[in-house]
Amino acid sequence: MKPYNKTKVLVTTAYMKTVRTLFIAALAMLAAACGTTNVVPITGRKTHLLVDDAQILGLSTQQYQEYMRSATLSSNQTNTALVKRVGQRLATAVETYLRNNGYASELQNFQWEFNLVSSNEVNAFCMPGGKIVVYEGILPVTQDEAGLAIVLGHEIAHSVAKHSAEQLSKQMRQQYASQIGGSILSRVAQAKGINSSTIALVDMLAQTGFNFANLKYSRDNETEADHLGLIFAAMAGYDPHLAIPFWQRMSQLGGSSKSEIFSDHPSDEKRIAALQNLMPEALKYYTPAAEPAPAAKPNTTKTTKTTKSTTTKTSTTKKTTTKTTKK
């Protein structure tokens, strides 16, 4: 066994502190040099975005069109009409809120589309600009119009809160940090006489730190989408209490047994508990519709499953019974 080298440990510690200081300084200059501050409606949370609305909407439109060219739309006219009706009811309520609460300028960013695609997957997703896709497989879980409103409210919330732009901005910061860090590591190593294996270890730890931060960040987005989505459903005249049985049904499907720290979604128990805590706030926005919509239930007749396609957006309400990889 080699003797303990105190000098080497001290040099390595100093090196890591130097790297950390330079990283923070470089990222601070990057943040100050570009980007805009976004304030999320209702929660008031502030985020710093490195991409503007035009950039994110252009990318979203392109990817959405590519996805729709490869997807198979549902042939069930009743269910398709249900998705479009509930989606538009929510969109109208959301636009009214934005217009009356200082976010009127944001309305130009939404060109709402609600599509039902032929797939047995329990899933739904939203792209920036209000492009929302629902899979037929989730309808047996939503069960009725109110349950569907909870799903669509959640998806609309991702678009309103600009979560896609926020995630893209974080990836850009990480990329910049890696580029800056590579140069810093090399120069500091030369100055301090640190060998390449130590540099590789520090880099690996930094990268692992980034990954865990991303996971927590994504769970925060999901929790915020639950919050906004619950209130959006209430604004549209849907009883927010019905979110609880919906997420209970989702939890019964399984597929979320792994520890929350390694998941980008809140655990079922924490999600339901958080929604229950938010109920008093949601009820302040809830007024039953003067003319309740027909108590329509989706036709859950099995249809042909669509061919799997690749998108860059991770679904937020997906629940399956098989192990999936993180997107």
C-alpha atoms as a PDB file:
ATOM      1  CA  MET A   1       0.000   0.000   0.000  1.00  0.00           C
ATOM      2  CA  LYS A   2       1.301   3.417  -0.955  1.00  0.00           C
ATOM      3  CA  PRO A   3       1.924   5.863   1.910  1.00  0.00           C
ATOM      4  CA  TYR A   4      -0.673   8.588   2.544  1.00  0.00           C
ATOM      5  CA  ASN A   5       0.272  11.697   0.571  1.00  0.00           C
ATOM      6  CA  LYS A   6      -1.168  14.692   2.421  1.00  0.00           C
ATOM      7  CA  THR A   7       0.324  17.182  -0.019  1.00  0.00           C
ATOM      8  CA  LYS A   8      -1.376  15.540  -2.967  1.00  0.00           C
ATOM      9  CA  VAL A   9      -4.741  15.551  -1.178  1.00  0.00           C
ATOM     10  CA  LEU A  10      -4.424  19.245  -0.382  1.00  0.00           C
ATOM     11  CA  VAL A  11      -3.504  20.067  -3.974  1.00  0.00           C
ATOM     12  CA  THR A  12      -6.446  18.024  -5.301  1.00  0.00           C
ATOM     13  CA  THR A  13      -8.849  19.747  -2.890  1.00  0.00           C
ATOM     14  CA  ALA A  14      -7.588  23.152  -3.933  1.00  0.00           C
ATOM     15  CA  TYR A  15      -7.950  22.140  -7.567  1.00  0.00           C
ATOM     16  CA  MET A  16     -11.584  21.103  -7.095  1.00  0.00           C
ATOM     17  CA  LYS A  17     -12.385  24.364  -5.281  1.00  0.00           C
ATOM     18  CA  THR A  18     -10.790  26.328  -8.111  1.00  0.00           C
ATOM     19  CA  VAL A  19     -12.804  24.440 -10.725  1.00  0.00           C
ATOM     20  CA  ARG A  20     -16.020  25.013  -8.783  1.00  0.00           C
ATOM     21  CA  THR A  21     -15.351  28.738  -8.454  1.00  0.00           C
ATOM     22  CA  LEU A  22     -14.606  29.137 -12.154  1.00  0.00           C
ATOM     23  CA  PHE A  23     -17.684  27.107 -13.107  1.00  0.00           C
ATOM     24  CA  ILE A  24     -19.940  29.320 -11.020  1.00  0.00           C
ATOM     25  CA  ALA A  25     -18.382  32.488 -12.407  1.00  0.00           C
ATOM     26  CA  ALA A  26     -18.668  31.310 -16.001  1.00  0.00           C
ATOM     27  CA  LEU A  27     -22.289  30.258 -15.615  1.00  0.00           C
ATOM     28  CA  ALA A  28     -23.159  33.515 -13.883  1.00  0.00           C
ATOM     29  CA  MET A  29     -21.717  35.478 -16.806  1.00  0.00           C
ATOM     30  CA  LEU A  30     -23.639  33.261 -19.227  1.00  0.00           C
ATOM     31  CA  ALA A  31     -26.921  33.805 -17.408  1.00  0.00           C
ATOM     32  CA  ALA A  32     -26.418  37.558 -17.274  1.00  0.00           C
ATOM     33  CA  ALA A  33     -25.432  37.801 -20.922  1.00  0.00           C
ATOM     34  CA  CYS A  34     -28.564  36.367 -22.495  1.00  0.00           C
ATOM     35  CA  GLY A  35     -32.044  35.036 -21.883  1.00  0.00           C
ATOM     36  CA  THR A  36     -35.305  36.302 -20.459  1.00  0.00           C
ATOM     37  CA  THR A  37     -37.148  35.868 -17.177  1.00  0.00           C
ATOM     38  CA  ASN A  38     -40.450  34.018 -17.305  1.00  0.00           C
ATOM     39  CA  VAL A  39     -43.018  34.197 -14.508  1.00  0.00           C
ATOM     40  CA  VAL A  40     -45.275  31.143 -14.342  1.00  0.00           C
ATOM     41  CA  PRO A  41     -48.980  32.041 -13.973  1.00  0.00           C
ATOM     42  CA  ILE A  42     -50.670  31.147 -10.665  1.00  0.00           C
ATOM     43  CA  THR A  43     -47.528  29.835  -8.939  1.00  0.00           C
ATOM     44  CA  GLY A  44     -45.496  32.983  -9.638  1.00  0.00           C
ATOM     45  CA  ARG A  45     -42.313  30.933  -9.993  1.00  0.00           C
ATOM     46  CA  LYS A  46     -39.579  32.729 -11.951  1.00  0.00           C
ATOM     47  CA  THR A  47     -37.420  30.944 -14.513  1.00  0.00           C
ATOM     48  CA  HIS A  48     -34.556  32.151 -16.685  1.00  0.00           C
ATOM     49  CA  LEU A  49     -34.989  31.014 -20.297  1.00  0.00           C
ATOM     50  CA  LEU A  50     -32.214  30.984 -22.888  1.00  0.00           C
ATOM     51  CA  VAL A  51     -34.622  30.437 -25.798  1.00  0.00           C
ATOM     52  CA  ASP A  52     -37.338  32.838 -26.884  1.00  0.00           C
ATOM     53  CA  ASP A  53     -40.913  31.998 -27.834  1.00  0.00           C
ATOM     54  CA  ALA A  54     -40.258  32.158 -31.577  1.00  0.00           C
ATOM     55  CA  GLN A  55     -37.399  29.662 -31.329  1.00  0.00           C
ATOM     56  CA  ILE A  56     -39.235  27.146 -29.184  1.00  0.00           C
ATOM     57  CA  LEU A  57     -42.468  27.408 -31.179  1.00  0.00           C
ATOM     58  CA  GLY A  58     -40.634  26.950 -34.474  1.00  0.00           C
ATOM     59  CA  LEU A  59     -38.969  23.785 -33.209  1.00  0.00           C
ATOM     60  CA  SER A  60     -42.217  22.532 -31.691  1.00  0.00           C
ATOM     61  CA  THR A  61     -44.222  23.075 -34.881  1.00  0.00           C
ATOM     62  CA  GLN A  62     -41.695  21.137 -36.911  1.00  0.00           C
ATOM     63  CA  GLN A  63     -41.610  18.196 -34.514  1.00  0.00           C
ATOM     64  CA  TYR A  64     -45.378  18.159 -34.099  1.00  0.00           C
ATOM     65  CA  GLN A  65     -45.916  18.004 -37.858  1.00  0.00           C
ATOM     66  CA  GLU A  66     -43.405  15.170 -38.131  1.00  0.00           C
ATOM     67  CA  TYR A  67     -45.155  13.275 -35.363  1.00  0.00           C
ATOM     68  CA  MET A  68     -48.624  13.706 -36.846  1.00  0.00           C
ATOM     69  CA  ARG A  69     -47.443  12.466 -40.243  1.00  0.00           C
ATOM     70  CA  SER A  70     -46.409   9.181 -38.661  1.00  0.00           C
ATOM     71  CA  ALA A  71     -49.281   8.841 -36.150  1.00  0.00           C
ATOM     72  CA  THR A  72     -52.625   7.153 -36.801  1.00  0.00           C
ATOM     73  CA  LEU A  73     -55.605   9.235 -35.782  1.00  0.00           C
ATOM     74  CA  SER A  74     -58.404   7.487 -33.944  1.00  0.00           C
ATOM     75  CA  SER A  75     -61.297   6.353 -36.116  1.00  0.00           C
ATOM     76  CA  ASN A  76     -63.687   6.701 -33.163  1.00  0.00           C
ATOM     77  CA  GLN A  77     -65.571   9.903 -33.909  1.00  0.00           C
ATOM     78  CA  THR A  78     -67.300  10.009 -30.512  1.00  0.00           C
ATOM     79  CA  ASN A  79     -64.056   9.862 -28.552  1.00  0.00           C
ATOM     80  CA  THR A  80     -62.317  12.271 -30.923  1.00  0.00           C
ATOM     81  CA  ALA A  81     -65.120  14.790 -30.459  1.00  0.00           C
ATOM     82  CA  LEU A  82     -64.894  14.321 -26.690  1.00  0.00           C
ATOM     83  CA  VAL A  83     -61.170  15.122 -26.628  1.00  0.00           C
ATOM     84  CA  LYS A  84     -61.616  18.205 -28.805  1.00  0.00           C
ATOM     85  CA  ARG A  85     -64.620  19.464 -26.809  1.00  0.00           C
ATOM     86  CA  VAL A  86     -63.002  19.099 -23.395  1.00  0.00           C
ATOM     87  CA  GLY A  87     -59.702  20.472 -24.680  1.00  0.00           C
ATOM     88  CA  GLN A  88     -61.301  23.564 -26.165  1.00  0.00           C
ATOM     89  CA  ARG A  89     -63.341  24.175 -23.017  1.00  0.00           C
ATOM     90  CA  LEU A  90     -60.152  24.168 -20.982  1.00  0.00           C
ATOM     91  CA  ALA A  91     -58.279  26.320 -23.513  1.00  0.00           C
ATOM     92  CA  THR A  92     -61.046  28.934 -23.423  1.00  0.00           C
ATOM     93  CA  ALA A  93     -60.926  29.093 -19.616  1.00  0.00           C
ATOM     94  CA  VAL A  94     -57.131  29.350 -19.620  1.00  0.00           C
ATOM     95  CA  GLU A  95     -57.099  32.115 -22.220  1.00  0.00           C
ATOM     96  CA  THR A  96     -59.682  34.064 -20.217  1.00  0.00           C
ATOM     97  CA  TYR A  97     -57.509  33.800 -17.113  1.00  0.00           C
ATOM     98  CA  LEU A  98     -54.362  34.869 -18.961  1.00  0.00           C
ATOM     99  CA  ARG A  99     -56.132  37.802 -20.586  1.00  0.00           C
ATOM    100  CA  ASN A 100     -57.495  39.050 -17.261  1.00  0.00           C
ATOM    101  CA  ASN A 101     -54.331  38.597 -15.232  1.00  0.00           C
ATOM    102  CA  GLY A 102     -51.592  40.379 -17.131  1.00  0.00           C
ATOM    103  CA  TYR A 103     -50.639  37.604 -19.565  1.00  0.00           C
ATOM    104  CA  ALA A 104     -52.566  38.784 -22.641  1.00  0.00           C
ATOM    105  CA  SER A 105     -49.340  38.943 -24.670  1.00  0.00           C
ATOM    106  CA  GLU A 106     -48.912  35.193 -24.189  1.00  0.00           C
ATOM    107  CA  LEU A 107     -52.085  34.367 -26.125  1.00  0.00           C
ATOM    108  CA  GLN A 108     -50.294  34.764 -29.455  1.00  0.00           C
ATOM    109  CA  ASN A 109     -48.161  31.744 -28.558  1.00  0.00           C
ATOM    110  CA  PHE A 110     -51.081  29.315 -28.561  1.00  0.00           C
ATOM    111  CA  GLN A 111     -52.631  27.650 -31.585  1.00  0.00           C
ATOM    112  CA  TRP A 112     -54.557  24.918 -29.804  1.00  0.00           C
ATOM    113  CA  GLU A 113     -54.867  21.464 -31.316  1.00  0.00           C
ATOM    114  CA  PHE A 114     -56.286  18.415 -29.562  1.00  0.00           C
ATOM    115  CA  ASN A 115     -55.871  15.073 -31.293  1.00  0.00           C
ATOM    116  CA  LEU A 116     -56.752  11.510 -30.319  1.00  0.00           C
ATOM    117  CA  VAL A 117     -54.406   8.907 -31.768  1.00  0.00           C
ATOM    118  CA  SER A 118     -54.924   5.195 -32.181  1.00  0.00           C
ATOM    119  CA  SER A 119     -52.775   3.494 -29.558  1.00  0.00           C
ATOM    120  CA  ASN A 120     -53.408   1.326 -26.510  1.00  0.00           C
ATOM    121  CA  GLU A 121     -50.671   3.132 -24.609  1.00  0.00           C
ATOM    122  CA  VAL A 122     -51.801   4.959 -21.456  1.00  0.00           C
ATOM    123  CA  ASN A 123     -50.342   8.274 -22.438  1.00  0.00           C
ATOM    124  CA  ALA A 124     -50.798  11.926 -23.407  1.00  0.00           C
ATOM    125  CA  PHE A 125     -48.356  14.736 -24.162  1.00  0.00           C
ATOM    126  CA  CYS A 126     -48.223  18.415 -25.017  1.00  0.00           C
ATOM    127  CA  MET A 127     -45.815  20.344 -27.197  1.00  0.00           C
ATOM    128  CA  PRO A 128     -45.233  24.100 -26.859  1.00  0.00           C
ATOM    129  CA  GLY A 129     -47.908  26.215 -28.491  1.00  0.00           C
ATOM    130  CA  GLY A 130     -50.786  24.039 -27.316  1.00  0.00           C
ATOM    131  CA  LYS A 131     -50.284  20.947 -29.503  1.00  0.00           C
ATOM    132  CA  ILE A 132     -51.808  18.174 -27.408  1.00  0.00           C
ATOM    133  CA  VAL A 133     -52.054  14.488 -28.242  1.00  0.00           C
ATOM    134  CA  VAL A 134     -54.093  11.944 -26.290  1.00  0.00           C
ATOM    135  CA  TYR A 135     -53.678   8.196 -26.741  1.00  0.00           C
ATOM    136  CA  GLU A 136     -56.786   6.027 -26.810  1.00  0.00           C
ATOM    137  CA  GLY A 137     -55.304   3.811 -24.114  1.00  0.00           C
ATOM    138  CA  ILE A 138     -55.792   6.458 -21.430  1.00  0.00           C
ATOM    139  CA  LEU A 139     -59.544   6.810 -21.948  1.00  0.00           C
ATOM    140  CA  PRO A 140     -60.493   3.717 -19.920  1.00  0.00           C
ATOM    141  CA  VAL A 141     -58.580   5.311 -17.020  1.00  0.00           C
ATOM    142  CA  THR A 142     -60.078   8.785 -17.355  1.00  0.00           C
ATOM    143  CA  GLN A 143     -63.505   7.081 -17.610  1.00  0.00           C
ATOM    144  CA  ASP A 144     -65.479  10.257 -18.238  1.00  0.00           C
ATOM    145  CA  GLU A 145     -65.278  13.895 -19.299  1.00  0.00           C
ATOM    146  CA  ALA A 146     -64.105  15.130 -15.901  1.00  0.00           C
ATOM    147  CA  GLY A 147     -61.291  12.584 -15.768  1.00  0.00           C
ATOM    148  CA  LEU A 148     -60.193  13.593 -19.250  1.00  0.00           C
ATOM    149  CA  ALA A 149     -60.227  17.247 -18.138  1.00  0.00           C
ATOM    150  CA  ILE A 150     -57.701  16.422 -15.409  1.00  0.00           C
ATOM    151  CA  VAL A 151     -55.336  14.918 -17.999  1.00  0.00           C
ATOM    152  CA  LEU A 152     -55.744  17.748 -20.491  1.00  0.00           C
ATOM    153  CA  GLY A 153     -55.430  20.385 -17.771  1.00  0.00           C
ATOM    154  CA  HIS A 154     -52.112  18.851 -16.747  1.00  0.00           C
ATOM    155  CA  GLU A 155     -50.853  18.866 -20.349  1.00  0.00           C
ATOM    156  CA  ILE A 156     -52.015  22.432 -21.005  1.00  0.00           C
ATOM    157  CA  ALA A 157     -50.163  23.472 -17.834  1.00  0.00           C
ATOM    158  CA  HIS A 158     -46.854  22.277 -19.286  1.00  0.00           C
ATOM    159  CA  SER A 159     -47.387  24.552 -22.272  1.00  0.00           C
ATOM    160  CA  VAL A 160     -48.551  27.580 -20.260  1.00  0.00           C
ATOM    161  CA  ALA A 161     -45.638  27.264 -17.801  1.00  0.00           C
ATOM    162  CA  LYS A 162     -43.138  26.900 -20.690  1.00  0.00           C
ATOM    163  CA  HIS A 163     -41.634  23.769 -19.211  1.00  0.00           C
ATOM    164  CA  SER A 164     -40.184  22.665 -22.564  1.00  0.00           C
ATOM    165  CA  ALA A 165     -38.305  25.952 -22.930  1.00  0.00           C
ATOM    166  CA  GLU A 166     -37.130  25.610 -19.346  1.00  0.00           C
ATOM    167  CA  GLN A 167     -35.791  22.088 -19.932  1.00  0.00           C
ATOM    168  CA  LEU A 168     -34.093  23.131 -23.163  1.00  0.00           C
ATOM    169  CA  SER A 169     -32.488  26.094 -21.410  1.00  0.00           C
ATOM    170  CA  LYS A 170     -31.104  23.807 -18.728  1.00  0.00           C
ATOM    171  CA  GLN A 171     -29.621  21.474 -21.329  1.00  0.00           C
ATOM    172  CA  MET A 172     -28.003  24.457 -23.015  1.00  0.00           C
ATOM    173  CA  ARG A 173     -26.477  25.578 -19.705  1.00  0.00           C
ATOM    174  CA  GLN A 174     -25.070  22.099 -19.144  1.00  0.00           C
ATOM    175  CA  GLN A 175     -23.587  22.050 -22.619  1.00  0.00           C
ATOM    176  CA  TYR A 176     -21.994  25.447 -22.083  1.00  0.00           C
ATOM    177  CA  ALA A 177     -20.725  24.325 -18.678  1.00  0.00           C
ATOM    178  CA  SER A 178     -19.154  21.221 -20.186  1.00  0.00           C
ATOM    179  CA  GLN A 179     -17.418  23.258 -22.879  1.00  0.00           C
ATOM    180  CA  ILE A 180     -16.200  25.849 -20.383  1.00  0.00           C
ATOM    181  CA  GLY A 181     -15.278  23.137 -17.904  1.00  0.00           C
ATOM    182  CA  GLY A 182     -13.188  21.199 -20.401  1.00  0.00           C
ATOM    183  CA  SER A 183     -10.989  24.214 -21.004  1.00  0.00           C
ATOM    184  CA  ILE A 184     -10.816  25.076 -17.293  1.00  0.00           C
ATOM    185  CA  LEU A 185      -9.917  21.526 -16.271  1.00  0.00           C
ATOM    186  CA  SER A 186      -7.134  21.326 -18.781  1.00  0.00           C
ATOM    187  CA  ARG A 187      -5.551  24.652 -17.827  1.00  0.00           C
ATOM    188  CA  VAL A 188      -5.863  24.181 -14.069  1.00  0.00           C
ATOM    189  CA  ALA A 189      -4.476  20.654 -14.302  1.00  0.00           C
ATOM    190  CA  GLN A 190      -1.410  21.899 -16.120  1.00  0.00           C
ATOM    191  CA  ALA A 191      -0.857  24.628 -13.543  1.00  0.00           C
ATOM    192  CA  LYS A 192      -1.352  22.317 -10.541  1.00  0.00           C
ATOM    193  CA  GLY A 193       0.331  19.215 -11.922  1.00  0.00           C
ATOM    194  CA  ILE A 194      -2.776  17.055 -11.469  1.00  0.00           C
ATOM    195  CA  ASN A 195      -2.838  13.816 -13.465  1.00  0.00           C
ATOM    196  CA  SER A 196      -5.495  12.936 -16.046  1.00  0.00           C
ATOM    197  CA  SER A 197      -7.169  10.218 -13.914  1.00  0.00           C
ATOM    198  CA  THR A 198      -8.018  12.767 -11.207  1.00  0.00           C
ATOM    199  CA  ILE A 199      -9.471  15.089 -13.832  1.00  0.00           C
ATOM    200  CA  ALA A 200     -11.632  12.255 -15.187  1.00  0.00           C
ATOM    201  CA  LEU A 201     -12.979  11.499 -11.695  1.00  0.00           C
ATOM    202  CA  VAL A 202     -13.892  15.121 -11.000  1.00  0.00           C
ATOM    203  CA  ASP A 203     -15.571  15.361 -14.397  1.00  0.00           C
ATOM    204  CA  MET A 204     -17.556  12.178 -13.742  1.00  0.00           C
ATOM    205  CA  LEU A 205     -18.781  13.464 -10.369  1.00  0.00           C
ATOM    206  CA  ALA A 206     -19.773  16.767 -11.902  1.00  0.00           C
ATOM    207  CA  GLN A 207     -21.701  14.973 -14.635  1.00  0.00           C
ATOM    208  CA  THR A 208     -23.478  12.762 -12.091  1.00  0.00           C
ATOM    209  CA  GLY A 209     -24.438  15.869 -10.171  1.00  0.00           C
ATOM    210  CA  PHE A 210     -25.955  17.373 -13.292  1.00  0.00           C
ATOM    211  CA  ASN A 211     -28.044  14.259 -13.895  1.00  0.00           C
ATOM    212  CA  PHE A 212     -29.536  14.154 -10.408  1.00  0.00           C
ATOM    213  CA  ALA A 213     -30.294  17.864 -10.607  1.00  0.00           C
ATOM    214  CA  ASN A 214     -32.152  17.250 -13.839  1.00  0.00           C
ATOM    215  CA  LEU A 215     -34.286  14.542 -12.264  1.00  0.00           C
ATOM    216  CA  LYS A 216     -35.335  16.781  -9.374  1.00  0.00           C
ATOM    217  CA  TYR A 217     -35.951  19.628 -11.765  1.00  0.00           C
ATOM    218  CA  SER A 218     -38.256  17.480 -13.892  1.00  0.00           C
ATOM    219  CA  ARG A 219     -40.243  16.318 -10.855  1.00  0.00           C
ATOM    220  CA  ASP A 220     -40.718  19.968  -9.923  1.00  0.00           C
ATOM    221  CA  ASN A 221     -42.179  20.602 -13.374  1.00  0.00           C
ATOM    222  CA  GLU A 222     -44.562  17.666 -12.989  1.00  0.00           C
ATOM    223  CA  THR A 223     -45.694  18.892  -9.594  1.00  0.00           C
ATOM    224  CA  GLU A 224     -46.249  22.383 -10.977  1.00  0.00           C
ATOM    225  CA  ALA A 225     -48.238  20.956 -13.907  1.00  0.00           C
ATOM    226  CA  ASP A 226     -50.432  19.073 -11.410  1.00  0.00           C
ATOM    227  CA  HIS A 227     -50.984  22.358  -9.547  1.00  0.00           C
ATOM    228  CA  LEU A 228     -51.856  24.445 -12.597  1.00  0.00           C
ATOM    229  CA  GLY A 229     -53.788  21.640 -14.259  1.00  0.00           C
ATOM    230  CA  LEU A 230     -56.027  21.186 -11.228  1.00  0.00           C
ATOM    231  CA  ILE A 231     -56.863  24.883 -11.237  1.00  0.00           C
ATOM    232  CA  PHE A 232     -57.381  24.996 -15.009  1.00  0.00           C
ATOM    233  CA  ALA A 233     -59.892  22.155 -14.737  1.00  0.00           C
ATOM    234  CA  ALA A 234     -61.696  24.034 -11.946  1.00  0.00           C
ATOM    235  CA  MET A 235     -61.745  27.214 -14.060  1.00  0.00           C
ATOM    236  CA  ALA A 236     -63.421  25.262 -16.856  1.00  0.00           C
ATOM    237  CA  GLY A 237     -66.166  24.092 -14.519  1.00  0.00           C
ATOM    238  CA  TYR A 238     -64.870  20.597 -13.730  1.00  0.00           C
ATOM    239  CA  ASP A 239     -64.944  19.466 -10.115  1.00  0.00           C
ATOM    240  CA  PRO A 240     -61.282  19.412  -8.974  1.00  0.00           C
ATOM    241  CA  HIS A 241     -62.096  16.716  -6.404  1.00  0.00           C
ATOM    242  CA  LEU A 242     -62.293  14.261  -9.310  1.00  0.00           C
ATOM    243  CA  ALA A 243     -58.529  14.520  -9.821  1.00  0.00           C
ATOM    244  CA  ILE A 244     -58.011  12.289  -6.775  1.00  0.00           C
ATOM    245  CA  PRO A 245     -59.869   9.192  -8.051  1.00  0.00           C
ATOM    246  CA  PHE A 246     -58.252   9.619 -11.470  1.00  0.00           C
ATOM    247  CA  TRP A 247     -54.707   9.532 -10.074  1.00  0.00           C
ATOM    248  CA  GLN A 248     -55.722   6.667  -7.788  1.00  0.00           C
ATOM    249  CA  ARG A 249     -56.771   4.707 -10.858  1.00  0.00           C
ATOM    250  CA  MET A 250     -53.462   5.568 -12.508  1.00  0.00           C
ATOM    251  CA  SER A 251     -51.568   4.324  -9.463  1.00  0.00           C
ATOM    252  CA  GLN A 252     -53.377   0.998  -9.632  1.00  0.00           C
ATOM    253  CA  LEU A 253     -51.875   0.366 -13.058  1.00  0.00           C
ATOM    254  CA  GLY A 254     -48.451  -0.103 -11.438  1.00  0.00           C
ATOM    255  CA  GLY A 255     -45.178   0.797 -13.082  1.00  0.00           C
ATOM    256  CA  SER A 256     -43.958   3.299 -10.473  1.00  0.00           C
ATOM    257  CA  SER A 257     -42.383   1.031  -7.872  1.00  0.00           C
ATOM    258  CA  LYS A 258     -38.850   2.399  -8.268  1.00  0.00           C
ATOM    259  CA  SER A 259     -37.587   4.972  -5.787  1.00  0.00           C
ATOM    260  CA  GLU A 260     -38.725   8.533  -6.430  1.00  0.00           C
ATOM    261  CA  ILE A 261     -35.167   9.856  -6.445  1.00  0.00           C
ATOM    262  CA  PHE A 262     -34.550   7.981  -9.711  1.00  0.00           C
ATOM    263  CA  SER A 263     -37.838   9.018 -11.309  1.00  0.00           C
ATOM    264  CA  ASP A 264     -38.820  12.186 -13.155  1.00  0.00           C
ATOM    265  CA  HIS A 265     -42.377  11.994 -11.800  1.00  0.00           C
ATOM    266  CA  PRO A 266     -43.627  12.357  -8.232  1.00  0.00           C
ATOM    267  CA  SER A 267     -44.568   9.104  -6.518  1.00  0.00           C
ATOM    268  CA  ASP A 268     -48.282   8.302  -6.630  1.00  0.00           C
ATOM    269  CA  GLU A 269     -48.687   8.860  -2.902  1.00  0.00           C
ATOM    270  CA  LYS A 270     -46.934  12.232  -2.930  1.00  0.00           C
ATOM    271  CA  ARG A 271     -48.795  13.353  -6.029  1.00  0.00           C
ATOM    272  CA  ILE A 272     -52.207  12.550  -4.533  1.00  0.00           C
ATOM    273  CA  ALA A 273     -51.313  14.109  -1.189  1.00  0.00           C
ATOM    274  CA  ALA A 274     -50.134  17.300  -2.914  1.00  0.00           C
ATOM    275  CA  LEU A 275     -53.367  17.520  -4.906  1.00  0.00           C
ATOM    276  CA  GLN A 276     -55.416  17.109  -1.745  1.00  0.00           C
ATOM    277  CA  ASN A 277     -53.473  19.968  -0.149  1.00  0.00           C
ATOM    278  CA  LEU A 278     -54.164  22.137  -3.209  1.00  0.00           C
ATOM    279  CA  MET A 279     -57.922  21.483  -3.151  1.00  0.00           C
ATOM    280  CA  PRO A 280     -58.883  24.610  -1.120  1.00  0.00           C
ATOM    281  CA  GLU A 281     -57.048  26.807  -3.630  1.00  0.00           C
ATOM    282  CA  ALA A 282     -58.595  25.024  -6.631  1.00  0.00           C
ATOM    283  CA  LEU A 283     -62.092  25.335  -5.218  1.00  0.00           C
ATOM    284  CA  LYS A 284     -61.748  29.125  -5.234  1.00  0.00           C
ATOM    285  CA  TYR A 285     -61.716  28.934  -9.036  1.00  0.00           C
ATOM    286  CA  TYR A 286     -64.484  26.343  -9.322  1.00  0.00           C
ATOM    287  CA  THR A 287     -67.966  27.225 -10.453  1.00  0.00           C
ATOM    288  CA  PRO A 288     -70.032  24.387 -11.910  1.00  0.00           C
ATOM    289  CA  ALA A 289     -70.944  25.065 -15.523  1.00  0.00           C
ATOM    290  CA  ALA A 290     -74.372  26.690 -15.914  1.00  0.00           C
ATOM    291  CA  GLU A 291     -75.141  24.175 -18.620  1.00  0.00           C
ATOM    292  CA  PRO A 292     -73.257  21.014 -17.745  1.00  0.00           C
ATOM    293  CA  ALA A 293     -71.831  19.142 -20.681  1.00  0.00           C
ATOM    294  CA  PRO A 294     -73.421  15.766 -21.445  1.00  0.00           C
ATOM    295  CA  ALA A 295     -72.180  13.045 -19.147  1.00  0.00           C
ATOM    296  CA  ALA A 296     -70.345  11.446 -22.021  1.00  0.00           C
ATOM    297  CA  LYS A 297     -68.168   8.444 -21.412  1.00  0.00           C
ATOM    298  CA  PRO A 298     -65.531   7.409 -23.916  1.00  0.00           C
ATOM    299  CA  ASN A 299     -66.141   4.449 -26.140  1.00  0.00           C
ATOM    300  CA  THR A 300     -63.322   2.126 -25.139  1.00  0.00           C
ATOM    301  CA  THR A 301     -63.667  -0.291 -28.055  1.00  0.00           C
ATOM    302  CA  LYS A 302     -60.210  -1.614 -28.870  1.00  0.00           C
ATOM    303  CA  THR A 303     -58.623  -0.159 -31.990  1.00  0.00           C
ATOM    304  CA  THR A 304     -55.466  -0.854 -33.920  1.00  0.00           C
ATOM    305  CA  LYS A 305     -52.313   0.244 -32.138  1.00  0.00           C
ATOM    306  CA  THR A 306     -50.239   2.866 -33.895  1.00  0.00           C
ATOM    307  CA  THR A 307     -46.645   2.359 -34.929  1.00  0.00           C
ATOM    308  CA  LYS A 308     -44.280   3.786 -32.360  1.00  0.00           C
ATOM    309  CA  SER A 309     -42.686   7.070 -33.357  1.00  0.00           C
ATOM    310  CA  THR A 310     -39.891   9.107 -31.810  1.00  0.00           C
ATOM    311  CA  THR A 311     -40.360  12.599 -30.370  1.00  0.00           C
ATOM    312  CA  THR A 312     -38.264  14.747 -28.104  1.00  0.00           C
ATOM    313  CA  LYS A 313     -41.070  15.406 -25.634  1.00  0.00           C
ATOM    314  CA  THR A 314     -41.461  13.160 -22.628  1.00  0.00           C
ATOM    315  CA  SER A 315     -45.023  12.293 -21.790  1.00  0.00           C
ATOM    316  CA  THR A 316     -46.265  13.565 -18.474  1.00  0.00           C
ATOM    317  CA  THR A 317     -49.244  11.340 -17.760  1.00  0.00           C
ATOM    318  CA  LYS A 318     -47.812   8.100 -19.086  1.00  0.00           C
ATOM    319  CA  LYS A 319     -48.361   5.022 -16.960  1.00  0.00           C
ATOM    320  CA  THR A 320     -47.438   1.513 -18.060  1.00  0.00           C
ATOM    321  CA  THR A 321     -46.861  -1.788 -16.374  1.00  0.00           C
ATOM    322  CA  THR A 322     -43.519  -2.454 -18.055  1.00  0.00           C
ATOM    323  CA  LYS A 323     -40.121  -0.935 -17.360  1.00  0.00           C
ATOM    324  CA  THR A 324     -39.371   2.050 -19.574  1.00  0.00           C
ATOM    325  CA  THR A 325     -36.264   4.096 -20.095  1.00  0.00           C
ATOM    326  CA  LYS A 326     -36.086   7.718 -19.019  1.00  0.00           C
ATOM    327  CA  LYS A 327     -36.715  10.153 -21.837  1.00  0.00           C
END
